[in-house]
Amino acid sequence: MSDKWNITDPVWGTISFSSEIEQDVKRIIESDLFQRLRYSSHLGLAQMVYPGATHTRFSHSIGAAYIADRMCTHVGLGQDEHLIVVLTMLLHDIGHAPFGHCFHRGLESLKGGVDPTSDKFWTKEIIRNHLGDCLNNSVTADILSTMENPKLKSIIDSDVDADRIDYLSRDSHFTGVPYKVDVDHLIHSMKIDDNGIYFKYSGMSALQGILFARKQMYNIVYKHPLVSAYEDCMTLIVNSCCKDEYRIESILVPEFFMKAKQDDLAIHELVPSFIKLSESDMWTFLKELSYQNTHQDLKESVRPRLRPSKALQSYFQRPII
């Protein structure tokens, strides 16, 4: 019998997965597509305000899958459903761009009959067409249809799902904002029926705790005015690059932007270059952009689009790149 596969995690300690699904999970984690999440920060530009927030979507996705595994085991899901839920949770961020949602919002100019500003489009494209070495057609179809099943969807995407349990705990840990989710109490009070998960009254305090933590993390971290300022800048830069407004001719311009400005390319044809794009590519490109004459124009165009805030206005008296 082979040894148990363990992962040491700063939030959950030693992570391991149920033996029935362990090899399937390991195969995905070791794939090139999943490994690229090592270079995608989970909180994006929040690290400019919270220096410790440099954790990645790689560690978050593993943590969320681990919590999903625990939830499935506790409520007694069958093996097939258990596997699909954990793999769906493992892959839920596979379609995120560098720096997360603020990058996606800048893709609004792309055409193609889909919503390119949603990470769900890119996630589905990658799962459907680029993970053939890790998933067979049946499993792929089941993953893509999990949101149609209220019972499974409640573990993957609800007010108290595996994703939120991990990211609130992980983001709190790395930003230094002290909100602790009582995960053990929460999971032990969890039950499930065809309509989804629900909780025994004994879990009320843990349930209230995670809802309060979410509200506070949004107020303190996710919507911090300076974090929002950086994100608005990134959205504008991405949007302008997709439209080729900067007219920059450089080998440092990411391939994705070179293809995005080609009107004859369908949005689905951008997926391979999207997959190659990393935050290190973007930082290198931003450094190049800072040397161009458009830099001051960028600052002037960003300021009026920001939410009214003295903090933001004073912030933009300083360099942004």
Protein backbone atom coordinates (compact mmCIF):
# COMPACT_ATOMS: atom_id res chain seq x y z
CA MET A 1 0.00 0.00 0.00
CA SER A 2 1.41 3.39 -1.03
CA ASP A 3 2.08 6.11 1.52
CA LYS A 4 -0.51 8.80 2.06
CA TRP A 5 0.13 11.94 0.02
CA ASN A 6 0.38 14.91 2.38
CA ILE A 7 0.74 18.64 1.77
CA THR A 8 1.93 20.99 4.50
CA ASP A 9 -0.20 24.13 4.53
CA PRO A 10 0.23 27.24 6.73
CA VAL A 11 -3.53 27.55 7.29
CA TRP A 12 -4.80 23.96 7.62
CA GLY A 13 -1.64 22.18 8.76
CA THR A 14 -1.21 18.80 7.08
CA ILE A 15 -3.59 18.42 4.13
CA SER A 16 -4.49 15.01 2.79
CA PHE A 17 -7.34 13.80 0.59
CA SER A 18 -9.65 10.80 0.84
CA SER A 19 -7.88 7.73 -0.52
CA GLU A 20 -10.60 7.13 -3.16
CA ILE A 21 -9.94 10.47 -4.87
CA GLU A 22 -6.31 11.12 -3.96
CA GLN A 23 -4.79 10.06 -7.29
CA ASP A 24 -7.29 12.10 -9.30
CA VAL A 25 -6.52 15.17 -7.22
CA LYS A 26 -2.77 14.61 -7.46
CA ARG A 27 -2.92 14.22 -11.25
CA ILE A 28 -4.56 17.62 -11.63
CA ILE A 29 -2.28 19.38 -9.14
CA GLU A 30 0.79 18.09 -10.97
CA SER A 31 -0.49 19.25 -14.38
CA ASP A 32 1.12 22.25 -16.08
CA LEU A 33 -2.17 24.16 -16.18
CA PHE A 34 -2.69 23.88 -12.46
CA GLN A 35 0.96 24.63 -11.68
CA ARG A 36 0.60 28.03 -13.39
CA LEU A 37 -1.55 29.07 -10.41
CA ARG A 38 1.67 29.16 -8.37
CA TYR A 39 2.35 32.46 -10.13
CA SER A 40 -1.10 34.00 -9.64
CA SER A 41 -1.55 35.90 -6.37
CA HIS A 42 -4.88 35.23 -4.70
CA LEU A 43 -5.46 38.81 -3.56
CA GLY A 44 -3.87 40.41 -6.59
CA LEU A 45 -2.89 44.01 -5.95
CA ALA A 46 -3.92 43.92 -2.28
CA GLN A 47 -0.28 43.03 -1.65
CA MET A 48 0.54 46.68 -2.40
CA VAL A 49 -1.32 47.61 0.80
CA TYR A 50 -0.99 44.39 2.83
CA PRO A 51 2.63 43.24 2.30
CA GLY A 52 1.96 39.73 3.57
CA ALA A 53 -0.84 39.07 1.06
CA THR A 54 1.39 37.29 -1.45
CA HIS A 55 -0.28 33.88 -1.19
CA THR A 56 -1.35 32.27 -4.44
CA ARG A 57 -4.38 30.76 -6.13
CA PHE A 58 -2.40 27.52 -6.14
CA SER A 59 -2.46 27.21 -2.35
CA HIS A 60 -6.03 28.55 -2.13
CA SER A 61 -7.34 26.03 -4.68
CA ILE A 62 -5.74 23.14 -2.82
CA GLY A 63 -7.11 24.46 0.48
CA ALA A 64 -10.61 24.88 -0.93
CA ALA A 65 -10.53 21.34 -2.37
CA TYR A 66 -9.41 20.05 1.03
CA ILE A 67 -12.34 21.76 2.77
CA ALA A 68 -14.71 20.40 0.10
CA ASP A 69 -13.32 16.91 0.72
CA ARG A 70 -14.00 17.27 4.45
CA MET A 71 -17.51 18.57 3.81
CA CYS A 72 -18.32 15.73 1.39
CA THR A 73 -16.99 13.13 3.83
CA HIS A 74 -18.98 14.56 6.74
CA VAL A 75 -22.33 14.73 4.94
CA GLY A 76 -21.79 11.31 3.35
CA LEU A 77 -21.84 12.04 -0.37
CA GLY A 78 -21.42 9.05 -2.67
CA GLN A 79 -17.98 8.47 -4.20
CA ASP A 80 -18.86 9.79 -7.67
CA GLU A 81 -20.43 13.00 -6.35
CA HIS A 82 -17.61 13.37 -3.82
CA LEU A 83 -15.01 13.21 -6.61
CA ILE A 84 -16.83 15.71 -8.85
CA VAL A 85 -17.28 18.24 -6.04
CA VAL A 86 -13.62 18.10 -4.97
CA LEU A 87 -12.30 18.33 -8.56
CA THR A 88 -14.68 21.22 -9.31
CA MET A 89 -13.42 23.03 -6.23
CA LEU A 90 -9.82 22.30 -7.15
CA LEU A 91 -10.34 23.82 -10.61
CA HIS A 92 -12.64 26.71 -9.69
CA ASP A 93 -9.87 29.34 -10.13
CA ILE A 94 -8.14 27.75 -13.13
CA GLY A 95 -9.49 30.50 -15.40
CA HIS A 96 -8.33 33.49 -13.39
CA ALA A 97 -6.14 36.07 -15.07
CA PRO A 98 -3.12 37.75 -13.43
CA PHE A 99 -4.25 39.99 -10.56
CA GLY A 100 -7.75 38.48 -10.66
CA HIS A 101 -11.02 40.29 -11.20
CA CYS A 102 -9.56 43.72 -11.98
CA PHE A 103 -7.80 42.22 -15.02
CA HIS A 104 -11.00 40.50 -16.15
CA ARG A 105 -12.96 43.75 -15.92
CA GLY A 106 -10.53 45.27 -18.42
CA LEU A 107 -11.50 42.69 -21.06
CA GLU A 108 -14.89 44.26 -21.74
CA SER A 109 -13.88 45.35 -25.25
CA LEU A 110 -13.38 41.76 -26.43
CA LYS A 111 -16.17 40.50 -28.67
CA GLY A 112 -17.49 37.02 -29.21
CA GLY A 113 -20.98 36.49 -27.83
CA VAL A 114 -19.69 35.65 -24.34
CA ASP A 115 -18.79 37.67 -21.26
CA PRO A 116 -14.97 37.90 -21.23
CA THR A 117 -15.04 39.87 -17.95
CA SER A 118 -16.19 36.75 -16.11
CA ASP A 119 -13.55 34.28 -14.96
CA LYS A 120 -16.22 31.58 -15.37
CA PHE A 121 -15.96 31.81 -19.17
CA TRP A 122 -12.19 31.25 -19.12
CA THR A 123 -12.51 28.50 -16.48
CA LYS A 124 -15.06 26.57 -18.54
CA GLU A 125 -12.98 26.95 -21.70
CA ILE A 126 -9.87 25.58 -19.99
CA ILE A 127 -11.70 22.67 -18.34
CA ARG A 128 -13.56 21.79 -21.53
CA ASN A 129 -10.68 22.00 -24.01
CA HIS A 130 -7.31 22.01 -22.25
CA LEU A 131 -7.36 19.39 -19.50
CA GLY A 132 -7.80 16.28 -21.61
CA ASP A 133 -4.69 14.66 -20.11
CA CYS A 134 -6.16 14.90 -16.61
CA LEU A 135 -9.89 14.42 -17.10
CA ASN A 136 -11.91 12.03 -19.25
CA ASN A 137 -14.94 13.32 -21.15
CA SER A 138 -17.43 12.01 -18.62
CA VAL A 139 -15.75 13.68 -15.64
CA THR A 140 -15.34 16.93 -17.60
CA ALA A 141 -19.06 16.98 -18.41
CA ASP A 142 -19.95 16.29 -14.78
CA ILE A 143 -17.71 19.12 -13.55
CA LEU A 144 -19.22 21.59 -16.01
CA SER A 145 -22.74 20.63 -14.94
CA THR A 146 -22.29 20.72 -11.15
CA MET A 147 -23.96 24.15 -10.90
CA GLU A 148 -27.18 22.57 -12.17
CA ASN A 149 -27.38 20.33 -9.09
CA PRO A 150 -28.52 22.34 -6.02
CA LYS A 151 -27.06 19.80 -3.61
CA LEU A 152 -23.56 19.88 -5.10
CA LYS A 153 -23.68 23.58 -5.93
CA SER A 154 -24.23 24.43 -2.26
CA ILE A 155 -20.76 23.03 -1.40
CA ILE A 156 -19.10 24.77 -4.35
CA ASP A 157 -20.92 28.10 -4.61
CA SER A 158 -23.08 29.38 -1.75
CA ASP A 159 -22.85 31.75 1.19
CA VAL A 160 -21.01 29.08 3.18
CA ASP A 161 -19.12 27.05 0.61
CA ALA A 162 -15.66 25.49 0.60
CA ASP A 163 -14.24 28.38 -1.43
CA ARG A 164 -15.34 31.03 1.09
CA ILE A 165 -14.26 28.99 4.09
CA ASP A 166 -10.74 28.72 2.69
CA TYR A 167 -10.30 32.21 1.28
CA LEU A 168 -11.59 33.95 4.41
CA SER A 169 -9.27 31.90 6.60
CA ARG A 170 -6.30 32.19 4.22
CA ASP A 171 -6.71 35.87 3.43
CA SER A 172 -7.11 36.69 7.11
CA HIS A 173 -3.94 34.76 7.92
CA PHE A 174 -1.77 36.43 5.27
CA THR A 175 -3.08 39.97 5.60
CA GLY A 176 -2.81 39.90 9.38
CA VAL A 177 -6.48 40.79 9.83
CA PRO A 178 -7.52 38.62 12.80
CA TYR A 179 -10.77 36.87 11.87
CA LYS A 180 -10.82 33.17 12.63
CA VAL A 181 -13.45 30.87 11.13
CA ASP A 182 -14.41 27.94 13.40
CA VAL A 183 -14.18 25.42 10.56
CA ASP A 184 -14.39 22.25 12.65
CA HIS A 185 -17.56 23.40 14.43
CA LEU A 186 -19.05 24.59 11.13
CA ILE A 187 -18.47 21.31 9.28
CA HIS A 188 -19.57 19.14 12.19
CA SER A 189 -22.92 20.98 12.34
CA MET A 190 -23.46 20.61 8.58
CA LYS A 191 -26.14 18.43 7.00
CA ILE A 192 -27.35 18.03 3.42
CA ASP A 193 -30.47 17.16 1.43
CA ASP A 194 -31.49 17.51 -2.22
CA ASN A 195 -31.80 21.27 -1.79
CA GLY A 196 -28.27 21.70 -0.49
CA ILE A 197 -26.38 22.06 2.78
CA TYR A 198 -27.99 23.33 5.97
CA PHE A 199 -26.87 23.56 9.58
CA LYS A 200 -27.97 22.31 12.94
CA TYR A 201 -28.80 24.96 15.51
CA SER A 202 -25.64 24.02 17.41
CA GLY A 203 -23.61 25.49 14.55
CA MET A 204 -25.27 28.90 14.72
CA SER A 205 -22.30 30.67 16.31
CA ALA A 206 -19.85 29.27 13.74
CA LEU A 207 -22.22 30.20 10.92
CA GLN A 208 -22.60 33.74 12.23
CA GLY A 209 -18.82 33.92 12.61
CA ILE A 210 -18.08 33.18 8.94
CA LEU A 211 -20.75 35.62 7.73
CA PHE A 212 -19.37 38.34 9.99
CA ALA A 213 -15.79 37.58 8.92
CA ARG A 214 -16.78 37.90 5.27
CA LYS A 215 -18.40 41.29 5.82
CA GLN A 216 -15.39 42.57 7.75
CA MET A 217 -12.84 41.27 5.24
CA TYR A 218 -14.69 43.07 2.46
CA ASN A 219 -14.75 46.29 4.46
CA ILE A 220 -11.12 46.13 5.61
CA VAL A 221 -9.24 44.30 2.85
CA TYR A 222 -11.10 43.59 -0.38
CA LYS A 223 -12.61 47.09 -0.70
CA HIS A 224 -9.78 49.04 0.94
CA PRO A 225 -9.64 52.38 -0.95
CA LEU A 226 -6.00 52.04 -1.94
CA VAL A 227 -6.50 48.45 -3.08
CA SER A 228 -9.42 49.71 -5.18
CA ALA A 229 -7.21 52.45 -6.61
CA TYR A 230 -4.59 49.96 -7.76
CA GLU A 231 -7.29 47.68 -9.18
CA ASP A 232 -8.93 50.52 -11.10
CA CYS A 233 -5.54 51.35 -12.61
CA MET A 234 -5.02 47.76 -13.69
CA THR A 235 -8.50 47.57 -15.22
CA LEU A 236 -7.84 50.69 -17.27
CA ILE A 237 -4.42 49.48 -18.40
CA VAL A 238 -5.77 46.11 -19.53
CA ASN A 239 -8.71 47.73 -21.31
CA SER A 240 -6.42 50.18 -23.10
CA CYS A 241 -3.99 47.42 -24.10
CA CYS A 242 -6.78 45.32 -25.58
CA LYS A 243 -7.73 48.34 -27.71
CA ASP A 244 -4.05 49.03 -28.52
CA GLU A 245 -4.42 52.62 -27.30
CA TYR A 246 -0.79 52.84 -26.16
CA ARG A 247 0.67 51.80 -29.54
CA ILE A 248 3.65 50.22 -27.80
CA GLU A 249 5.99 48.26 -30.03
CA SER A 250 8.08 46.06 -27.77
CA ILE A 251 8.94 42.41 -27.35
CA LEU A 252 7.79 42.87 -23.74
CA VAL A 253 4.13 43.31 -24.73
CA PRO A 254 2.43 40.04 -23.67
CA GLU A 255 1.25 37.83 -26.54
CA PHE A 256 -2.30 37.98 -25.19
CA PHE A 257 -2.54 41.73 -25.87
CA MET A 258 -1.01 41.35 -29.32
CA LYS A 259 -3.72 38.85 -30.21
CA ALA A 260 -6.55 40.67 -28.40
CA LYS A 261 -6.26 43.67 -30.71
CA GLN A 262 -6.74 41.47 -33.82
CA ASP A 263 -10.35 41.86 -34.89
CA ASP A 264 -10.31 38.66 -36.94
CA LEU A 265 -9.63 36.42 -33.91
CA ALA A 266 -12.57 34.87 -32.03
CA ILE A 267 -12.39 35.15 -28.26
CA HIS A 268 -12.06 31.37 -27.96
CA GLU A 269 -8.83 31.61 -29.96
CA LEU A 270 -7.34 33.82 -27.24
CA VAL A 271 -7.45 31.06 -24.62
CA PRO A 272 -3.98 29.57 -25.38
CA SER A 273 -2.28 32.98 -25.02
CA PHE A 274 -4.43 33.72 -21.96
CA ILE A 275 -3.12 30.54 -20.34
CA LYS A 276 0.49 31.63 -20.97
CA LEU A 277 -0.02 35.05 -19.38
CA SER A 278 1.49 35.44 -15.91
CA GLU A 279 1.84 38.18 -13.33
CA SER A 280 5.58 38.34 -13.94
CA ASP A 281 4.81 39.11 -17.61
CA MET A 282 2.50 41.90 -16.49
CA TRP A 283 4.98 43.41 -14.03
CA THR A 284 7.66 43.44 -16.74
CA PHE A 285 5.22 45.04 -19.17
CA LEU A 286 4.13 47.66 -16.60
CA LYS A 287 7.76 48.60 -16.07
CA GLU A 288 8.12 49.06 -19.82
CA LEU A 289 4.89 51.06 -19.90
CA SER A 290 6.17 53.36 -17.17
CA TYR A 291 8.95 54.50 -19.52
CA GLN A 292 6.49 55.58 -22.22
CA ASN A 293 5.07 59.07 -22.66
CA THR A 294 1.57 57.68 -22.08
CA HIS A 295 2.29 57.19 -18.40
CA GLN A 296 1.16 60.69 -17.37
CA ASP A 297 -1.87 60.40 -19.65
CA LEU A 298 -2.75 57.19 -17.84
CA LYS A 299 -2.71 58.89 -14.45
CA GLU A 300 -4.87 61.73 -15.72
CA SER A 301 -7.42 59.36 -17.26
CA VAL A 302 -7.65 57.16 -14.18
CA ARG A 303 -8.33 59.89 -11.62
CA PRO A 304 -11.84 60.93 -12.75
CA ARG A 305 -13.01 57.31 -12.98
CA LEU A 306 -12.23 56.51 -9.35
CA ARG A 307 -14.89 56.59 -6.67
CA PRO A 308 -15.04 59.98 -4.88
CA SER A 309 -12.54 59.68 -2.09
CA LYS A 310 -10.00 62.08 -0.64
CA ALA A 311 -7.75 59.12 0.08
CA LEU A 312 -7.77 58.06 -3.56
CA GLN A 313 -7.33 61.57 -4.89
CA SER A 314 -4.35 62.23 -2.63
CA TYR A 315 -2.96 58.81 -3.44
CA PHE A 316 -2.81 59.66 -7.14
CA GLN A 317 -0.49 62.54 -6.47
CA ARG A 318 2.12 59.79 -6.10
CA PRO A 319 3.56 57.44 -8.77
CA ILE A 320 1.33 54.49 -9.56
CA ILE A 321 3.89 52.24 -11.23
